[in-house]
Amino acid sequence: MNPIETVVQFVKEAYYELRKSSWLSRREAADSTKVVVLIVALMSVYVAGIDFVLSILMTALLGR
């Protein structure tokens, strides 16, 4: 099989698989995005808090 036929076959199979997929509705996608943004924001605040506390501790230990 030559490379062009291989690519064409791959695209056909990928299209077929995508047709079998179930897609989220616009509302479900928006709700999922909101949840992800909220979790990322909360984790960012948590990590920033840990970083702040550890930087204070390291400054105290190193005496700077």
PDB file of N, CA and C in Angstrom:
ATOM      1  N   MET A   1       0.847  -1.181   0.000  1.00  0.00           N
ATOM      2  CA  MET A   1       0.000   0.000   0.000  1.00  0.00           C
ATOM      3  C   MET A   1       0.892   1.243   0.000  1.00  0.00           C
ATOM      4  N   ASN A   2       0.623   2.176  -0.888  1.00  0.00           N
ATOM      5  CA  ASN A   2       1.467   3.369  -0.942  1.00  0.00           C
ATOM      6  C   ASN A   2       1.051   4.365   0.155  1.00  0.00           C
ATOM      7  N   PRO A   3       1.887   5.341   0.441  1.00  0.00           N
ATOM      8  CA  PRO A   3       1.617   6.271   1.547  1.00  0.00           C
ATOM      9  C   PRO A   3       0.315   7.053   1.394  1.00  0.00           C
ATOM     10  N   ILE A   4      -0.046   7.430   0.190  1.00  0.00           N
ATOM     11  CA  ILE A   4      -1.286   8.195  -0.010  1.00  0.00           C
ATOM     12  C   ILE A   4      -2.498   7.339   0.330  1.00  0.00           C
ATOM     13  N   GLU A   5      -2.498   6.086  -0.114  1.00  0.00           N
ATOM     14  CA  GLU A   5      -3.605   5.181   0.216  1.00  0.00           C
ATOM     15  C   GLU A   5      -3.690   4.965   1.723  1.00  0.00           C
ATOM     16  N   THR A   6      -2.542   4.879   2.373  1.00  0.00           N
ATOM     17  CA  THR A   6      -2.512   4.694   3.825  1.00  0.00           C
ATOM     18  C   THR A   6      -3.145   5.884   4.533  1.00  0.00           C
ATOM     19  N   VAL A   7      -2.810   7.090   4.094  1.00  0.00           N
ATOM     20  CA  VAL A   7      -3.374   8.295   4.700  1.00  0.00           C
ATOM     21  C   VAL A   7      -4.876   8.364   4.451  1.00  0.00           C
ATOM     22  N   VAL A   8      -5.301   8.067   3.247  1.00  0.00           N
ATOM     23  CA  VAL A   8      -6.727   8.090   2.917  1.00  0.00           C
ATOM     24  C   VAL A   8      -7.475   7.080   3.774  1.00  0.00           C
ATOM     25  N   GLN A   9      -6.936   5.891   3.905  1.00  0.00           N
ATOM     26  CA  GLN A   9      -7.574   4.855   4.730  1.00  0.00           C
ATOM     27  C   GLN A   9      -7.657   5.309   6.185  1.00  0.00           C
ATOM     28  N   PHE A  10      -6.596   5.925   6.692  1.00  0.00           N
ATOM     29  CA  PHE A  10      -6.594   6.421   8.072  1.00  0.00           C
ATOM     30  C   PHE A  10      -7.688   7.469   8.277  1.00  0.00           C
ATOM     31  N   VAL A  11      -7.799   8.419   7.347  1.00  0.00           N
ATOM     32  CA  VAL A  11      -8.812   9.474   7.467  1.00  0.00           C
ATOM     33  C   VAL A  11     -10.218   8.877   7.427  1.00  0.00           C
ATOM     34  N   LYS A  12     -10.449   7.915   6.561  1.00  0.00           N
ATOM     35  CA  LYS A  12     -11.760   7.263   6.481  1.00  0.00           C
ATOM     36  C   LYS A  12     -12.093   6.570   7.802  1.00  0.00           C
ATOM     37  N   GLU A  13     -11.132   5.841   8.358  1.00  0.00           N
ATOM     38  CA  GLU A  13     -11.376   5.131   9.619  1.00  0.00           C
ATOM     39  C   GLU A  13     -11.579   6.104  10.771  1.00  0.00           C
ATOM     40  N   ALA A  14     -10.813   7.192  10.792  1.00  0.00           N
ATOM     41  CA  ALA A  14     -10.977   8.193  11.852  1.00  0.00           C
ATOM     42  C   ALA A  14     -12.365   8.824  11.762  1.00  0.00           C
ATOM     43  N   TYR A  15     -12.812   9.152  10.552  1.00  0.00           N
ATOM     44  CA  TYR A  15     -14.137   9.728  10.361  1.00  0.00           C
ATOM     45  C   TYR A  15     -15.206   8.753  10.836  1.00  0.00           C
ATOM     46  N   TYR A  16     -15.065   7.486  10.494  1.00  0.00           N
ATOM     47  CA  TYR A  16     -16.024   6.471  10.906  1.00  0.00           C
ATOM     48  C   TYR A  16     -16.100   6.385  12.433  1.00  0.00           C
ATOM     49  N   GLU A  17     -14.953   6.405  13.096  1.00  0.00           N
ATOM     50  CA  GLU A  17     -14.929   6.329  14.557  1.00  0.00           C
ATOM     51  C   GLU A  17     -15.553   7.574  15.185  1.00  0.00           C
ATOM     52  N   LEU A  18     -15.308   8.734  14.597  1.00  0.00           N
ATOM     53  CA  LEU A  18     -15.904   9.961  15.126  1.00  0.00           C
ATOM     54  C   LEU A  18     -17.421   9.955  14.988  1.00  0.00           C
ATOM     55  N   ARG A  19     -17.922   9.346  13.936  1.00  0.00           N
ATOM     56  CA  ARG A  19     -19.375   9.264  13.746  1.00  0.00           C
ATOM     57  C   ARG A  19     -20.021   8.395  14.825  1.00  0.00           C
ATOM     58  N   LYS A  20     -19.291   7.430  15.368  1.00  0.00           N
ATOM     59  CA  LYS A  20     -19.829   6.557  16.410  1.00  0.00           C
ATOM     60  C   LYS A  20     -19.800   7.220  17.785  1.00  0.00           C
ATOM     61  N   SER A  21     -19.037   8.309  17.928  1.00  0.00           N
ATOM     62  CA  SER A  21     -18.882   8.968  19.223  1.00  0.00           C
ATOM     63  C   SER A  21     -20.142   9.730  19.600  1.00  0.00           C
ATOM     64  N   SER A  22     -20.363   9.819  20.905  1.00  0.00           N
ATOM     65  CA  SER A  22     -21.455  10.680  21.380  1.00  0.00           C
ATOM     66  C   SER A  22     -20.815  11.977  21.871  1.00  0.00           C
ATOM     67  N   TRP A  23     -21.380  13.081  21.435  1.00  0.00           N
ATOM     68  CA  TRP A  23     -20.810  14.383  21.741  1.00  0.00           C
ATOM     69  C   TRP A  23     -21.641  15.071  22.809  1.00  0.00           C
ATOM     70  N   LEU A  24     -20.980  15.883  23.621  1.00  0.00           N
ATOM     71  CA  LEU A  24     -21.691  16.655  24.630  1.00  0.00           C
ATOM     72  C   LEU A  24     -22.530  17.732  23.953  1.00  0.00           C
ATOM     73  N   SER A  25     -23.631  18.075  24.615  1.00  0.00           N
ATOM     74  CA  SER A  25     -24.401  19.209  24.118  1.00  0.00           C
ATOM     75  C   SER A  25     -23.655  20.490  24.486  1.00  0.00           C
ATOM     76  N   ARG A  26     -24.067  21.599  23.908  1.00  0.00           N
ATOM     77  CA  ARG A  26     -23.426  22.878  24.203  1.00  0.00           C
ATOM     78  C   ARG A  26     -23.526  23.183  25.703  1.00  0.00           C
ATOM     79  N   ARG A  27     -24.671  22.907  26.293  1.00  0.00           N
ATOM     80  CA  ARG A  27     -24.887  23.169  27.726  1.00  0.00           C
ATOM     81  C   ARG A  27     -23.963  22.292  28.580  1.00  0.00           C
ATOM     82  N   GLU A  28     -23.871  21.010  28.255  1.00  0.00           N
ATOM     83  CA  GLU A  28     -23.000  20.095  29.010  1.00  0.00           C
ATOM     84  C   GLU A  28     -21.537  20.519  28.895  1.00  0.00           C
ATOM     85  N   ALA A  29     -21.125  20.924  27.713  1.00  0.00           N
ATOM     86  CA  ALA A  29     -19.746  21.370  27.525  1.00  0.00           C
ATOM     87  C   ALA A  29     -19.469  22.635  28.330  1.00  0.00           C
ATOM     88  N   ALA A  30     -20.410  23.573  28.346  1.00  0.00           N
ATOM     89  CA  ALA A  30     -20.241  24.805  29.118  1.00  0.00           C
ATOM     90  C   ALA A  30     -20.175  24.503  30.611  1.00  0.00           C
ATOM     91  N   ASP A  31     -21.057  23.634  31.098  1.00  0.00           N
ATOM     92  CA  ASP A  31     -21.057  23.272  32.521  1.00  0.00           C
ATOM     93  C   ASP A  31     -19.750  22.570  32.907  1.00  0.00           C
ATOM     94  N   SER A  32     -19.280  21.671  32.075  1.00  0.00           N
ATOM     95  CA  SER A  32     -18.025  20.975  32.350  1.00  0.00           C
ATOM     96  C   SER A  32     -16.852  21.957  32.369  1.00  0.00           C
ATOM     97  N   THR A  33     -16.860  22.915  31.456  1.00  0.00           N
ATOM     98  CA  THR A  33     -15.806  23.920  31.405  1.00  0.00           C
ATOM     99  C   THR A  33     -15.796  24.755  32.674  1.00  0.00           C
ATOM    100  N   LYS A  34     -16.979  25.126  33.151  1.00  0.00           N
ATOM    101  CA  LYS A  34     -17.076  25.908  34.397  1.00  0.00           C
ATOM    102  C   LYS A  34     -16.489  25.132  35.568  1.00  0.00           C
ATOM    103  N   VAL A  35     -16.795  23.846  35.644  1.00  0.00           N
ATOM    104  CA  VAL A  35     -16.272  23.019  36.742  1.00  0.00           C
ATOM    105  C   VAL A  35     -14.746  22.952  36.666  1.00  0.00           C
ATOM    106  N   VAL A  36     -14.205  22.758  35.475  1.00  0.00           N
ATOM    107  CA  VAL A  36     -12.751  22.666  35.308  1.00  0.00           C
ATOM    108  C   VAL A  36     -12.085  23.987  35.700  1.00  0.00           C
ATOM    109  N   VAL A  37     -12.655  25.117  35.260  1.00  0.00           N
ATOM    110  CA  VAL A  37     -12.081  26.428  35.600  1.00  0.00           C
ATOM    111  C   VAL A  37     -12.117  26.647  37.109  1.00  0.00           C
ATOM    112  N   LEU A  38     -13.210  26.287  37.755  1.00  0.00           N
ATOM    113  CA  LEU A  38     -13.326  26.439  39.208  1.00  0.00           C
ATOM    114  C   LEU A  38     -12.289  25.591  39.936  1.00  0.00           C
ATOM    115  N   ILE A  39     -12.133  24.340  39.539  1.00  0.00           N
ATOM    116  CA  ILE A  39     -11.163  23.459  40.184  1.00  0.00           C
ATOM    117  C   ILE A  39      -9.744  23.969  39.976  1.00  0.00           C
ATOM    118  N   VAL A  40      -9.424  24.428  38.780  1.00  0.00           N
ATOM    119  CA  VAL A  40      -8.089  24.974  38.509  1.00  0.00           C
ATOM    120  C   VAL A  40      -7.837  26.201  39.365  1.00  0.00           C
ATOM    121  N   ALA A  41      -8.837  27.075  39.504  1.00  0.00           N
ATOM    122  CA  ALA A  41      -8.686  28.273  40.331  1.00  0.00           C
ATOM    123  C   ALA A  41      -8.452  27.894  41.790  1.00  0.00           C
ATOM    124  N   LEU A  42      -9.236  26.947  42.299  1.00  0.00           N
ATOM    125  CA  LEU A  42      -9.068  26.521  43.693  1.00  0.00           C
ATOM    126  C   LEU A  42      -7.699  25.881  43.925  1.00  0.00           C
ATOM    127  N   MET A  43      -7.264  25.047  43.006  1.00  0.00           N
ATOM    128  CA  MET A  43      -5.954  24.415  43.149  1.00  0.00           C
ATOM    129  C   MET A  43      -4.835  25.451  43.064  1.00  0.00           C
ATOM    130  N   SER A  44      -5.010  26.469  42.240  1.00  0.00           N
ATOM    131  CA  SER A  44      -4.004  27.528  42.132  1.00  0.00           C
ATOM    132  C   SER A  44      -3.872  28.285  43.443  1.00  0.00           C
ATOM    133  N   VAL A  45      -5.008  28.609  44.057  1.00  0.00           N
ATOM    134  CA  VAL A  45      -4.981  29.299  45.354  1.00  0.00           C
ATOM    135  C   VAL A  45      -4.322  28.402  46.405  1.00  0.00           C
ATOM    136  N   TYR A  46      -4.648  27.124  46.399  1.00  0.00           N
ATOM    137  CA  TYR A  46      -4.067  26.178  47.354  1.00  0.00           C
ATOM    138  C   TYR A  46      -2.545  26.095  47.194  1.00  0.00           C
ATOM    139  N   VAL A  47      -2.082  25.928  45.967  1.00  0.00           N
ATOM    140  CA  VAL A  47      -0.642  25.818  45.713  1.00  0.00           C
ATOM    141  C   VAL A  47       0.065  27.136  46.060  1.00  0.00           C
ATOM    142  N   ALA A  48      -0.566  28.260  45.734  1.00  0.00           N
ATOM    143  CA  ALA A  48       0.023  29.557  46.067  1.00  0.00           C
ATOM    144  C   ALA A  48       0.133  29.717  47.578  1.00  0.00           C
ATOM    145  N   GLY A  49      -0.871  29.258  48.308  1.00  0.00           N
ATOM    146  CA  GLY A  49      -0.832  29.317  49.777  1.00  0.00           C
ATOM    147  C   GLY A  49       0.298  28.472  50.341  1.00  0.00           C
ATOM    148  N   ILE A  50       0.429  27.262  49.858  1.00  0.00           N
ATOM    149  CA  ILE A  50       1.519  26.387  50.298  1.00  0.00           C
ATOM    150  C   ILE A  50       2.870  27.022  49.973  1.00  0.00           C
ATOM    151  N   ASP A  51       3.006  27.573  48.790  1.00  0.00           N
ATOM    152  CA  ASP A  51       4.248  28.220  48.384  1.00  0.00           C
ATOM    153  C   ASP A  51       4.568  29.396  49.307  1.00  0.00           C
ATOM    154  N   PHE A  52       3.563  30.186  49.628  1.00  0.00           N
ATOM    155  CA  PHE A  52       3.771  31.343  50.506  1.00  0.00           C
ATOM    156  C   PHE A  52       4.244  30.909  51.888  1.00  0.00           C
ATOM    157  N   VAL A  53       3.576  29.919  52.463  1.00  0.00           N
ATOM    158  CA  VAL A  53       3.953  29.428  53.791  1.00  0.00           C
ATOM    159  C   VAL A  53       5.363  28.844  53.772  1.00  0.00           C
ATOM    160  N   LEU A  54       5.667  28.049  52.769  1.00  0.00           N
ATOM    161  CA  LEU A  54       7.004  27.456  52.695  1.00  0.00           C
ATOM    162  C   LEU A  54       8.078  28.515  52.472  1.00  0.00           C
ATOM    163  N   SER A  55       7.781  29.551  51.717  1.00  0.00           N
ATOM    164  CA  SER A  55       8.780  30.604  51.517  1.00  0.00           C
ATOM    165  C   SER A  55       9.037  31.360  52.819  1.00  0.00           C
ATOM    166  N   ILE A  56       8.004  31.568  53.623  1.00  0.00           N
ATOM    167  CA  ILE A  56       8.197  32.203  54.930  1.00  0.00           C
ATOM    168  C   ILE A  56       9.047  31.305  55.827  1.00  0.00           C
ATOM    169  N   LEU A  57       8.751  30.010  55.839  1.00  0.00           N
ATOM    170  CA  LEU A  57       9.529  29.075  56.659  1.00  0.00           C
ATOM    171  C   LEU A  57      10.994  29.028  56.214  1.00  0.00           C
ATOM    172  N   MET A  58      11.232  28.981  54.929  1.00  0.00           N
ATOM    173  CA  MET A  58      12.607  28.928  54.427  1.00  0.00           C
ATOM    174  C   MET A  58      13.354  30.230  54.738  1.00  0.00           C
ATOM    175  N   THR A  59      12.676  31.342  54.643  1.00  0.00           N
ATOM    176  CA  THR A  59      13.300  32.617  54.979  1.00  0.00           C
ATOM    177  C   THR A  59      13.671  32.643  56.452  1.00  0.00           C
ATOM    178  N   ALA A  60      12.786  32.125  57.302  1.00  0.00           N
ATOM    179  CA  ALA A  60      13.067  32.086  58.743  1.00  0.00           C
ATOM    180  C   ALA A  60      14.230  31.131  59.037  1.00  0.00           C
ATOM    181  N   LEU A  61      14.261  29.988  58.361  1.00  0.00           N
ATOM    182  CA  LEU A  61      15.329  29.012  58.610  1.00  0.00           C
ATOM    183  C   LEU A  61      16.683  29.491  58.099  1.00  0.00           C
ATOM    184  N   LEU A  62      16.690  30.182  56.984  1.00  0.00           N
ATOM    185  CA  LEU A  62      17.953  30.634  56.405  1.00  0.00           C
ATOM    186  C   LEU A  62      18.382  31.990  56.944  1.00  0.00           C
ATOM    187  N   GLY A  63      17.498  32.658  57.652  1.00  0.00           N
ATOM    188  CA  GLY A  63      17.844  33.921  58.297  1.00  0.00           C
ATOM    189  C   GLY A  63      18.073  35.089  57.348  1.00  0.00           C
ATOM    190  N   ARG A  64      17.379  35.121  56.274  1.00  0.00           N
ATOM    191  CA  ARG A  64      17.528  36.244  55.335  1.00  0.00           C
ATOM    192  C   ARG A  64      16.479  37.279  55.557  1.00  0.00           C
TER     193      ARG A  64
END
